[in-house]
Amino acid sequence: MKAVAARIVVGSALAALVLAPGALAGQESYFPLEEGNRWVYQERQFSSEVTVEVIQREGEIAELATSFASGSVLVRDGGDEVEVELAEEGFVLYYRFSADTTWEHRDPFSCDDQRMVSVTAEPQPVETPAGTFEETLRIDYTGATLCADAGKVAEWWAPGVGLVRWQEDSFVGRRTYDLVAFTRDEPAPVFSRGDANADGRLDVSDPVKILQFLFVTPDPLICEDAADVDDTGALQITDPIYLLNYLFRTGDAPPAPFPGCGEDPSKDPLACESQPQCLPD
């Protein structure tokens, strides 16, 4: 067996899990690399599970970890190519993601290192416990594997989700792993506390908006957290009173996020979408 040094070896399942976001123009990423994203796979015959998670991302560098083994691995997103860091070589080509292409796959997990792979469209939908995925792309591995009893055979990828199935050979025969769950980390909403009507200003119209919501016509607020002026986790009469005291007397300023925009530092059940004035242009 050939040894290929990786920064930290994390297990063969992760070797199938990095493709360039947005590599095919006009389509969603075939591997969304946002921090916190998590995939769970289950093997059909023995029901063993593998989880993969994006631990963190800084710039174009993402750090991935899997339950298959301890540790993590660094990958670099280069658009239509993704590179993986090998200890003795630095970043080398890991995946090139475009239809009808073939390349030499470098891999920190020795069985599939330096194998040729090709990408083709898969016209049939792929059905998994996590759902049915249309218009998947298939990656086929060719050439001899460096291990006598293991090696990738094929992978199936879906836009906006990533890897949904892969097959590999082992000493017990062909094994198939299917996606059973995908959790995509959504950014927390951003708002300015006190700006209940989300007009980008803090004035008397904001306590009036809260009073109307509480006692007149409870039209949905863009962000209930913004109307929770005293940050108690509930909307009540104390919120407009708090804001009026701040605006016209010598009351305390609203808690963060204030006076600018930001995330809610305290957890509560209030509904909130990002206020338009808090989003980048």
Protein backbone atom coordinates (compact mmCIF):
# COMPACT_ATOMS: atom_id res chain seq x y z
CA MET A 1 0.00 0.00 0.00
CA LYS A 2 1.38 3.38 -0.99
CA ALA A 3 1.48 5.96 1.79
CA VAL A 4 0.41 9.50 0.94
CA ALA A 5 1.02 12.03 3.70
CA ALA A 6 -1.89 14.33 4.48
CA ARG A 7 -1.99 17.24 6.90
CA ILE A 8 -4.23 15.15 9.14
CA VAL A 9 -5.72 11.92 7.78
CA VAL A 10 -9.44 11.75 8.52
CA GLY A 11 -10.76 8.67 6.71
CA SER A 12 -11.68 7.54 3.21
CA ALA A 13 -15.23 8.89 3.28
CA LEU A 14 -14.01 12.48 3.27
CA ALA A 15 -12.02 11.85 0.11
CA ALA A 16 -15.28 11.96 -1.82
CA LEU A 17 -16.53 15.19 -0.32
CA VAL A 18 -14.99 18.27 -1.89
CA LEU A 19 -16.13 19.89 -5.12
CA ALA A 20 -15.88 23.48 -6.19
CA PRO A 21 -18.78 25.75 -5.30
CA GLY A 22 -20.35 27.33 -8.37
CA ALA A 23 -18.06 25.45 -10.71
CA LEU A 24 -20.77 24.98 -13.30
CA ALA A 25 -21.92 28.43 -14.37
CA GLY A 26 -25.55 29.21 -13.59
CA GLN A 27 -25.96 26.32 -11.17
CA GLU A 28 -25.88 25.98 -7.42
CA SER A 29 -22.76 24.71 -5.75
CA TYR A 30 -22.26 20.98 -5.95
CA PHE A 31 -20.65 21.23 -2.55
CA PRO A 32 -21.82 24.09 -0.34
CA LEU A 33 -18.86 24.81 1.93
CA GLU A 34 -20.50 27.19 4.40
CA GLU A 35 -19.28 26.80 7.95
CA GLY A 36 -21.51 24.50 9.99
CA ASN A 37 -22.89 22.49 7.08
CA ARG A 38 -23.23 18.81 7.97
CA TRP A 39 -23.90 15.63 5.98
CA VAL A 40 -24.92 12.21 7.33
CA TYR A 41 -24.49 9.04 5.22
CA GLN A 42 -25.55 5.45 5.88
CA GLU A 43 -24.18 2.29 4.34
CA ARG A 44 -26.93 0.01 3.04
CA GLN A 45 -25.73 -3.43 4.09
CA PHE A 46 -24.37 -2.81 7.58
CA SER A 47 -26.13 0.53 8.37
CA SER A 48 -22.88 2.14 9.47
CA GLU A 49 -22.95 5.95 9.48
CA VAL A 50 -20.46 8.57 8.37
CA THR A 51 -20.85 12.27 9.16
CA VAL A 52 -18.98 15.12 7.51
CA GLU A 53 -18.96 18.74 8.69
CA VAL A 54 -17.43 22.03 7.62
CA ILE A 55 -15.69 23.07 10.84
CA GLN A 56 -14.70 26.51 9.65
CA ARG A 57 -13.93 28.52 6.55
CA GLU A 58 -11.67 31.51 6.14
CA GLY A 59 -11.48 33.00 2.69
CA GLU A 60 -11.04 30.22 0.16
CA ILE A 61 -9.76 27.70 2.73
CA ALA A 62 -12.25 25.31 4.35
CA GLU A 63 -11.56 22.81 7.11
CA LEU A 64 -13.50 19.56 6.99
CA ALA A 65 -13.88 16.78 9.54
CA THR A 66 -15.60 13.39 9.52
CA SER A 67 -16.71 10.82 12.06
CA PHE A 68 -14.80 8.22 10.07
CA ALA A 69 -11.64 9.23 11.97
CA SER A 70 -10.35 12.00 14.18
CA GLY A 71 -8.77 15.13 12.80
CA SER A 72 -9.44 17.44 9.89
CA VAL A 73 -8.23 18.28 6.41
CA LEU A 74 -7.78 21.58 4.58
CA VAL A 75 -9.10 22.19 1.07
CA ARG A 76 -8.82 25.27 -1.11
CA ASP A 77 -11.72 26.41 -3.25
CA GLY A 78 -10.42 27.71 -6.53
CA GLY A 79 -13.70 28.07 -8.38
CA ASP A 80 -13.80 25.27 -10.94
CA GLU A 81 -11.05 23.38 -9.12
CA VAL A 82 -10.54 22.29 -5.53
CA GLU A 83 -7.15 21.50 -4.09
CA VAL A 84 -6.28 19.44 -1.03
CA GLU A 85 -3.28 19.96 1.19
CA LEU A 86 -0.75 17.12 1.29
CA ALA A 87 1.94 17.35 3.91
CA GLU A 88 4.91 16.92 1.57
CA GLU A 89 3.48 18.62 -1.53
CA GLY A 90 1.29 21.48 -0.33
CA PHE A 91 -1.99 22.05 -2.16
CA VAL A 92 -2.54 19.76 -5.15
CA LEU A 93 -5.48 19.11 -7.45
CA TYR A 94 -8.20 17.20 -5.65
CA TYR A 95 -11.32 17.70 -7.82
CA ARG A 96 -12.02 19.45 -11.07
CA PHE A 97 -15.71 19.90 -11.48
CA SER A 98 -17.18 20.27 -14.95
CA ALA A 99 -19.16 17.93 -17.15
CA ASP A 100 -17.35 15.62 -19.57
CA THR A 101 -13.91 16.12 -18.08
CA THR A 102 -11.19 13.72 -16.94
CA TRP A 103 -8.29 14.36 -14.60
CA GLU A 104 -5.83 12.73 -12.24
CA HIS A 105 -7.30 12.68 -8.78
CA ARG A 106 -4.89 13.41 -5.90
CA ASP A 107 -6.00 12.07 -2.59
CA PRO A 108 -4.67 12.16 0.99
CA PHE A 109 -6.25 8.72 1.43
CA SER A 110 -3.93 6.36 -0.39
CA CYS A 111 -6.34 3.94 -2.07
CA ASP A 112 -7.53 6.49 -4.63
CA ASP A 113 -4.45 8.65 -5.02
CA GLN A 114 -3.36 9.28 -8.62
CA ARG A 115 -6.36 7.49 -10.12
CA MET A 116 -8.03 8.87 -13.23
CA VAL A 117 -11.61 10.06 -12.79
CA SER A 118 -14.22 11.32 -15.22
CA VAL A 119 -17.42 13.35 -14.81
CA THR A 120 -20.60 12.65 -16.75
CA ALA A 121 -24.20 13.79 -16.48
CA GLU A 122 -26.54 11.25 -14.88
CA PRO A 123 -29.98 11.45 -16.56
CA GLN A 124 -31.72 9.24 -13.98
CA PRO A 125 -32.73 10.72 -10.63
CA VAL A 126 -30.94 9.42 -7.54
CA GLU A 127 -33.26 8.33 -4.72
CA THR A 128 -31.91 8.43 -1.17
CA PRO A 129 -33.44 8.55 2.33
CA ALA A 130 -32.77 12.31 2.24
CA GLY A 131 -34.83 12.77 -0.92
CA THR A 132 -34.81 12.33 -4.68
CA PHE A 133 -32.19 14.35 -6.55
CA GLU A 134 -32.61 15.28 -10.21
CA GLU A 135 -29.91 16.10 -12.74
CA THR A 136 -27.08 14.64 -10.72
CA LEU A 137 -23.52 14.38 -11.94
CA ARG A 138 -21.61 11.14 -11.69
CA ILE A 139 -17.88 10.73 -11.12
CA ASP A 140 -16.37 7.39 -12.21
CA TYR A 141 -13.00 6.13 -10.98
CA THR A 142 -10.83 4.19 -13.41
CA GLY A 143 -7.49 2.45 -13.18
CA ALA A 144 -6.01 0.27 -10.50
CA THR A 145 -6.43 1.21 -6.87
CA LEU A 146 -3.42 1.33 -4.57
CA CYS A 147 -5.18 -0.96 -2.08
CA ALA A 148 -5.95 -4.60 -2.62
CA ASP A 149 -9.33 -4.55 -0.88
CA ALA A 150 -10.68 -1.03 -1.26
CA GLY A 151 -11.22 1.88 -3.64
CA LYS A 152 -13.88 4.23 -4.96
CA VAL A 153 -16.05 3.11 -7.87
CA ALA A 154 -18.45 6.03 -8.42
CA GLU A 155 -19.95 9.12 -6.78
CA TRP A 156 -23.20 11.04 -7.42
CA TRP A 157 -23.50 14.77 -6.75
CA ALA A 158 -26.56 17.06 -6.65
CA PRO A 159 -26.56 20.87 -7.00
CA GLY A 160 -27.14 22.75 -3.77
CA VAL A 161 -26.53 19.65 -1.66
CA GLY A 162 -23.27 17.94 -2.60
CA LEU A 163 -22.47 14.26 -2.51
CA VAL A 164 -25.66 12.17 -2.28
CA ARG A 165 -24.27 8.68 -2.92
CA TRP A 166 -21.00 6.87 -3.40
CA GLN A 167 -19.90 3.29 -4.00
CA GLU A 168 -16.65 1.65 -3.03
CA ASP A 169 -15.15 -1.83 -3.09
CA SER A 170 -13.99 -3.53 0.10
CA PHE A 171 -13.04 -6.99 1.33
CA VAL A 172 -16.77 -7.67 1.93
CA GLY A 173 -17.72 -6.59 -1.59
CA ARG A 174 -19.39 -3.54 -3.10
CA ARG A 175 -20.65 -1.02 -0.52
CA THR A 176 -23.06 1.85 -1.15
CA TYR A 177 -23.42 4.92 1.05
CA ASP A 178 -26.54 7.10 0.72
CA LEU A 179 -27.23 10.57 2.08
CA VAL A 180 -29.74 10.41 4.94
CA ALA A 181 -29.56 14.02 6.20
CA PHE A 182 -28.10 17.35 5.15
CA THR A 183 -28.12 20.36 7.49
CA ARG A 184 -27.23 23.61 5.84
CA ASP A 185 -26.14 26.36 8.16
CA GLU A 186 -28.20 29.50 7.61
CA PRO A 187 -26.78 32.88 8.62
CA ALA A 188 -28.39 34.46 11.65
CA PRO A 189 -30.70 37.42 10.91
CA VAL A 190 -29.31 40.90 11.43
CA PHE A 191 -31.36 43.82 12.74
CA SER A 192 -31.20 47.04 14.77
CA ARG A 193 -33.04 46.80 18.09
CA GLY A 194 -35.81 49.36 18.46
CA ASP A 195 -36.31 49.91 14.72
CA ALA A 196 -39.63 48.09 14.81
CA ASN A 197 -40.87 49.36 11.42
CA ALA A 198 -37.51 48.65 9.74
CA ASP A 199 -37.24 52.07 8.09
CA GLY A 200 -33.63 52.62 9.15
CA ARG A 201 -34.52 55.33 11.69
CA LEU A 202 -35.32 55.30 15.40
CA ASP A 203 -38.19 57.70 16.15
CA VAL A 204 -41.70 57.85 17.58
CA SER A 205 -43.06 55.74 14.71
CA ASP A 206 -41.32 52.70 16.19
CA PRO A 207 -43.12 52.57 19.58
CA VAL A 208 -46.34 53.36 17.69
CA LYS A 209 -45.67 50.33 15.46
CA ILE A 210 -45.15 48.11 18.51
CA LEU A 211 -48.38 49.37 20.13
CA GLN A 212 -50.32 48.72 16.93
CA PHE A 213 -48.89 45.19 16.78
CA LEU A 214 -49.79 44.51 20.42
CA PHE A 215 -53.24 46.08 20.66
CA VAL A 216 -54.67 47.00 17.24
CA THR A 217 -53.84 44.97 14.12
CA PRO A 218 -51.08 42.43 14.64
CA ASP A 219 -49.59 42.70 11.17
CA PRO A 220 -46.42 40.59 10.99
CA LEU A 221 -43.23 42.40 11.86
CA ILE A 222 -40.15 41.89 9.71
CA CYS A 223 -38.22 41.22 12.91
CA GLU A 224 -39.95 40.71 16.24
CA ASP A 225 -36.55 40.86 17.94
CA ALA A 226 -36.23 44.49 16.83
CA ALA A 227 -39.50 45.25 18.63
CA ASP A 228 -38.31 43.43 21.76
CA VAL A 229 -36.68 46.64 22.90
CA ASP A 230 -35.88 45.52 26.45
CA ASP A 231 -34.63 42.10 25.22
CA THR A 232 -36.79 39.99 27.54
CA GLY A 233 -37.59 37.46 24.82
CA ALA A 234 -41.26 38.50 24.66
CA LEU A 235 -43.24 41.35 23.10
CA GLN A 236 -45.20 43.30 25.70
CA ILE A 237 -46.17 46.83 26.81
CA THR A 238 -42.77 47.31 28.45
CA ASP A 239 -41.13 47.47 25.00
CA PRO A 240 -42.72 50.69 23.66
CA ILE A 241 -42.42 52.24 27.15
CA TYR A 242 -38.70 51.43 27.20
CA LEU A 243 -38.23 53.00 23.77
CA LEU A 244 -40.24 56.13 24.64
CA ASN A 245 -38.16 56.62 27.77
CA TYR A 246 -35.00 56.41 25.68
CA LEU A 247 -36.25 58.75 22.97
CA PHE A 248 -37.81 61.48 25.12
CA ARG A 249 -36.45 61.15 28.64
CA THR A 250 -33.17 59.82 30.05
CA GLY A 251 -33.84 56.12 29.73
CA ASP A 252 -31.20 53.54 28.91
CA ALA A 253 -30.33 52.75 25.33
CA PRO A 254 -31.70 49.49 23.92
CA PRO A 255 -29.45 46.44 24.34
CA ALA A 256 -27.34 45.18 21.45
CA PRO A 257 -27.60 45.15 18.55
CA PHE A 258 -27.86 48.91 18.86
CA PRO A 259 -27.34 51.51 17.46
CA GLY A 260 -26.03 49.62 14.45
CA CYS A 261 -27.07 46.28 12.99
CA GLY A 262 -26.06 42.87 14.25
CA GLU A 263 -27.18 39.43 15.41
CA ASP A 264 -29.24 38.86 18.55
CA PRO A 265 -26.78 37.92 21.33
CA SER A 266 -29.57 36.21 23.31
CA LYS A 267 -31.70 33.26 22.22
CA ASP A 268 -35.49 33.53 22.25
CA PRO A 269 -38.49 32.21 20.30
CA LEU A 270 -39.23 35.50 18.50
CA ALA A 271 -39.42 35.37 14.71
CA CYS A 272 -37.02 37.52 12.74
CA GLU A 273 -35.85 38.08 9.20
CA SER A 274 -32.93 40.34 8.44
CA GLN A 275 -33.98 43.96 8.11
CA PRO A 276 -33.37 45.35 4.61
CA GLN A 277 -31.24 48.26 5.85
CA CYS A 278 -28.93 45.79 7.61
CA LEU A 279 -28.12 43.75 4.51
CA PRO A 280 -25.19 44.59 2.21
CA ASP A 281 -26.04 46.32 -1.03
